[in-house]
Amino acid sequence: MTDIDWDALHDEAVTVMRRAYAPYSRYRVGAAGLTDDGRVVVGCNVENAAYGVALCAECGMVSSLHATGGGRLVAVA
């Protein structure tokens, strides 16, 4: 895979960023990754009342990668 549509990947990250759960910091983050087989996997940050116990967007993206069959990331936005 040589052609990466960075604009589309960015758009996916922004879309999932809007779904982030960040009531404490109000700092929403989204991540989108392109896999070697052409799938796009996404993740967003999720906060917890115990402020240090939060999941970052990148962790969510990697969880999505593995939950949908694994593979190798070739690009991340």
N, C-alpha and C. Protein backbone atom coordinates (compact mmCIF):
# COMPACT_ATOMS: atom_id res chain seq x y z
N MET A 1 0.85 -1.17 0.00
CA MET A 1 0.00 0.00 0.00
C MET A 1 0.89 1.24 0.00
N THR A 2 0.78 2.04 -1.02
CA THR A 2 1.63 3.22 -1.11
C THR A 2 0.84 4.52 -1.01
N ASP A 3 -0.40 4.52 -1.45
CA ASP A 3 -1.20 5.74 -1.43
C ASP A 3 -2.02 5.79 -0.15
N ILE A 4 -1.78 6.82 0.64
CA ILE A 4 -2.53 7.03 1.88
C ILE A 4 -3.32 8.31 1.73
N ASP A 5 -4.62 8.22 1.92
CA ASP A 5 -5.48 9.38 1.85
C ASP A 5 -5.49 10.04 3.23
N TRP A 6 -4.50 10.91 3.45
CA TRP A 6 -4.33 11.54 4.76
C TRP A 6 -5.53 12.40 5.14
N ASP A 7 -6.17 13.04 4.17
CA ASP A 7 -7.34 13.86 4.47
C ASP A 7 -8.48 13.00 5.00
N ALA A 8 -8.72 11.86 4.39
CA ALA A 8 -9.79 10.96 4.84
C ALA A 8 -9.46 10.40 6.22
N LEU A 9 -8.20 10.06 6.45
CA LEU A 9 -7.80 9.52 7.75
C LEU A 9 -7.97 10.59 8.83
N HIS A 10 -7.59 11.81 8.52
CA HIS A 10 -7.78 12.93 9.44
C HIS A 10 -9.27 13.13 9.74
N ASP A 11 -10.09 13.08 8.71
CA ASP A 11 -11.54 13.24 8.90
C ASP A 11 -12.11 12.18 9.83
N GLU A 12 -11.64 10.94 9.69
CA GLU A 12 -12.09 9.85 10.58
C GLU A 12 -11.69 10.15 12.03
N ALA A 13 -10.48 10.65 12.22
CA ALA A 13 -10.00 10.98 13.57
C ALA A 13 -10.84 12.10 14.18
N VAL A 14 -11.18 13.10 13.38
CA VAL A 14 -12.00 14.21 13.87
C VAL A 14 -13.40 13.72 14.21
N THR A 15 -13.96 12.86 13.38
CA THR A 15 -15.30 12.32 13.63
C THR A 15 -15.34 11.58 14.96
N VAL A 16 -14.37 10.70 15.19
CA VAL A 16 -14.38 9.93 16.43
C VAL A 16 -13.99 10.80 17.62
N MET A 17 -13.21 11.85 17.40
CA MET A 17 -12.87 12.79 18.47
C MET A 17 -14.14 13.38 19.07
N ARG A 18 -15.12 13.62 18.25
CA ARG A 18 -16.38 14.21 18.73
C ARG A 18 -17.16 13.25 19.62
N ARG A 19 -16.81 11.96 19.61
CA ARG A 19 -17.46 10.96 20.46
C ARG A 19 -16.70 10.70 21.75
N ALA A 20 -15.59 11.39 21.94
CA ALA A 20 -14.78 11.19 23.14
C ALA A 20 -15.59 11.53 24.39
N TYR A 21 -15.24 10.87 25.49
CA TYR A 21 -15.88 11.14 26.78
C TYR A 21 -14.84 11.84 27.64
N ALA A 22 -14.92 13.15 27.68
CA ALA A 22 -13.92 13.95 28.39
C ALA A 22 -14.60 15.05 29.23
N PRO A 23 -15.45 14.65 30.19
CA PRO A 23 -16.18 15.65 30.97
C PRO A 23 -15.31 16.43 31.95
N TYR A 24 -14.13 15.93 32.26
CA TYR A 24 -13.29 16.57 33.27
C TYR A 24 -12.27 17.52 32.63
N SER A 25 -11.54 17.03 31.67
CA SER A 25 -10.54 17.88 31.02
C SER A 25 -11.15 18.69 29.88
N ARG A 26 -12.25 18.19 29.33
CA ARG A 26 -12.88 18.76 28.14
C ARG A 26 -11.92 18.75 26.93
N TYR A 27 -10.91 17.90 27.01
CA TYR A 27 -9.92 17.80 25.93
C TYR A 27 -10.20 16.50 25.17
N ARG A 28 -10.88 16.64 24.06
CA ARG A 28 -11.27 15.47 23.25
C ARG A 28 -10.17 15.11 22.27
N VAL A 29 -9.92 13.81 22.15
CA VAL A 29 -8.88 13.33 21.24
C VAL A 29 -9.45 12.17 20.44
N GLY A 30 -9.12 12.14 19.17
CA GLY A 30 -9.49 11.03 18.30
C GLY A 30 -8.27 10.54 17.55
N ALA A 31 -8.26 9.26 17.24
CA ALA A 31 -7.17 8.67 16.47
C ALA A 31 -7.77 7.73 15.42
N ALA A 32 -7.18 7.74 14.25
CA ALA A 32 -7.60 6.84 13.17
C ALA A 32 -6.37 6.20 12.58
N GLY A 33 -6.45 4.90 12.37
CA GLY A 33 -5.33 4.17 11.80
C GLY A 33 -5.74 3.40 10.57
N LEU A 34 -4.86 3.36 9.61
CA LEU A 34 -5.06 2.59 8.39
C LEU A 34 -4.26 1.30 8.51
N THR A 35 -4.91 0.17 8.26
CA THR A 35 -4.23 -1.12 8.36
C THR A 35 -3.67 -1.55 7.01
N ASP A 36 -2.81 -2.55 7.07
CA ASP A 36 -2.18 -3.04 5.84
C ASP A 36 -3.18 -3.71 4.90
N ASP A 37 -4.37 -4.05 5.40
CA ASP A 37 -5.38 -4.63 4.50
C ASP A 37 -6.46 -3.62 4.12
N GLY A 38 -6.24 -2.33 4.43
CA GLY A 38 -7.12 -1.27 3.97
C GLY A 38 -8.22 -0.84 4.93
N ARG A 39 -8.33 -1.50 6.09
CA ARG A 39 -9.34 -1.10 7.07
C ARG A 39 -8.91 0.17 7.78
N VAL A 40 -9.89 0.92 8.26
CA VAL A 40 -9.63 2.08 9.12
C VAL A 40 -10.17 1.73 10.50
N VAL A 41 -9.31 1.85 11.50
CA VAL A 41 -9.71 1.60 12.88
C VAL A 41 -9.58 2.92 13.64
N VAL A 42 -10.50 3.14 14.58
CA VAL A 42 -10.54 4.42 15.29
C VAL A 42 -10.60 4.21 16.79
N GLY A 43 -10.26 5.27 17.51
CA GLY A 43 -10.38 5.28 18.96
C GLY A 43 -10.48 6.71 19.45
N CYS A 44 -11.07 6.87 20.63
CA CYS A 44 -11.17 8.20 21.25
C CYS A 44 -10.83 8.08 22.72
N ASN A 45 -10.49 9.21 23.33
CA ASN A 45 -10.16 9.16 24.75
C ASN A 45 -11.43 9.02 25.58
N VAL A 46 -11.29 8.32 26.71
CA VAL A 46 -12.39 8.09 27.64
C VAL A 46 -11.86 8.35 29.04
N GLU A 47 -12.44 9.36 29.71
CA GLU A 47 -11.99 9.72 31.05
C GLU A 47 -12.83 9.01 32.11
N ASN A 48 -12.30 9.05 33.32
CA ASN A 48 -12.93 8.44 34.47
C ASN A 48 -12.88 9.46 35.60
N ALA A 49 -13.81 9.37 36.54
CA ALA A 49 -13.81 10.30 37.67
C ALA A 49 -12.50 10.21 38.45
N ALA A 50 -11.88 9.04 38.48
CA ALA A 50 -10.53 8.90 39.03
C ALA A 50 -9.61 9.37 37.92
N TYR A 51 -9.30 10.65 37.90
CA TYR A 51 -8.71 11.34 36.75
C TYR A 51 -7.55 10.59 36.10
N GLY A 52 -6.70 9.94 36.89
CA GLY A 52 -5.57 9.23 36.30
C GLY A 52 -5.95 7.95 35.58
N VAL A 53 -7.17 7.49 35.76
CA VAL A 53 -7.63 6.25 35.13
C VAL A 53 -8.42 6.63 33.88
N ALA A 54 -7.71 6.91 32.83
CA ALA A 54 -8.33 7.29 31.57
C ALA A 54 -7.71 6.46 30.45
N LEU A 55 -8.44 6.31 29.39
CA LEU A 55 -7.93 5.60 28.21
C LEU A 55 -7.68 6.62 27.12
N CYS A 56 -6.50 6.57 26.55
CA CYS A 56 -6.18 7.51 25.48
C CYS A 56 -6.76 7.01 24.15
N ALA A 57 -6.86 7.91 23.22
CA ALA A 57 -7.43 7.59 21.90
C ALA A 57 -6.62 6.51 21.19
N GLU A 58 -5.31 6.56 21.35
CA GLU A 58 -4.44 5.59 20.67
C GLU A 58 -4.67 4.18 21.22
N CYS A 59 -4.88 4.07 22.54
CA CYS A 59 -5.20 2.76 23.13
C CYS A 59 -6.50 2.22 22.56
N GLY A 60 -7.49 3.09 22.44
CA GLY A 60 -8.77 2.68 21.87
C GLY A 60 -8.62 2.23 20.43
N MET A 61 -7.78 2.91 19.68
CA MET A 61 -7.55 2.54 18.29
C MET A 61 -6.89 1.16 18.19
N VAL A 62 -5.90 0.91 19.04
CA VAL A 62 -5.22 -0.39 19.03
C VAL A 62 -6.18 -1.49 19.48
N SER A 63 -7.03 -1.20 20.45
CA SER A 63 -8.04 -2.18 20.86
C SER A 63 -8.97 -2.50 19.70
N SER A 64 -9.38 -1.48 18.98
CA SER A 64 -10.23 -1.68 17.81
C SER A 64 -9.51 -2.51 16.75
N LEU A 65 -8.23 -2.25 16.57
CA LEU A 65 -7.43 -3.03 15.61
C LEU A 65 -7.50 -4.52 15.95
N HIS A 66 -7.26 -4.84 17.19
CA HIS A 66 -7.24 -6.24 17.59
C HIS A 66 -8.64 -6.85 17.62
N ALA A 67 -9.64 -6.05 18.01
CA ALA A 67 -11.01 -6.55 18.06
C ALA A 67 -11.58 -6.84 16.67
N THR A 68 -11.02 -6.22 15.65
CA THR A 68 -11.54 -6.42 14.29
C THR A 68 -10.64 -7.31 13.44
N GLY A 69 -9.77 -8.07 14.08
CA GLY A 69 -9.00 -9.05 13.33
C GLY A 69 -7.50 -8.84 13.32
N GLY A 70 -7.02 -7.79 13.97
CA GLY A 70 -5.57 -7.57 14.02
C GLY A 70 -5.04 -6.99 12.74
N GLY A 71 -3.76 -7.16 12.55
CA GLY A 71 -3.11 -6.61 11.37
C GLY A 71 -2.02 -5.65 11.77
N ARG A 72 -1.54 -4.92 10.79
CA ARG A 72 -0.44 -3.98 11.00
C ARG A 72 -0.88 -2.59 10.59
N LEU A 73 -0.60 -1.61 11.44
CA LEU A 73 -0.91 -0.23 11.10
C LEU A 73 0.14 0.31 10.14
N VAL A 74 -0.32 0.98 9.11
CA VAL A 74 0.61 1.59 8.14
C VAL A 74 0.56 3.11 8.19
N ALA A 75 -0.48 3.67 8.82
CA ALA A 75 -0.59 5.13 8.97
C ALA A 75 -1.52 5.43 10.13
N VAL A 76 -1.23 6.52 10.84
CA VAL A 76 -2.07 6.94 11.96
C VAL A 76 -2.22 8.46 11.92
N ALA A 77 -3.46 8.90 12.15
CA ALA A 77 -3.73 10.35 12.26
C ALA A 77 -4.43 10.60 13.58
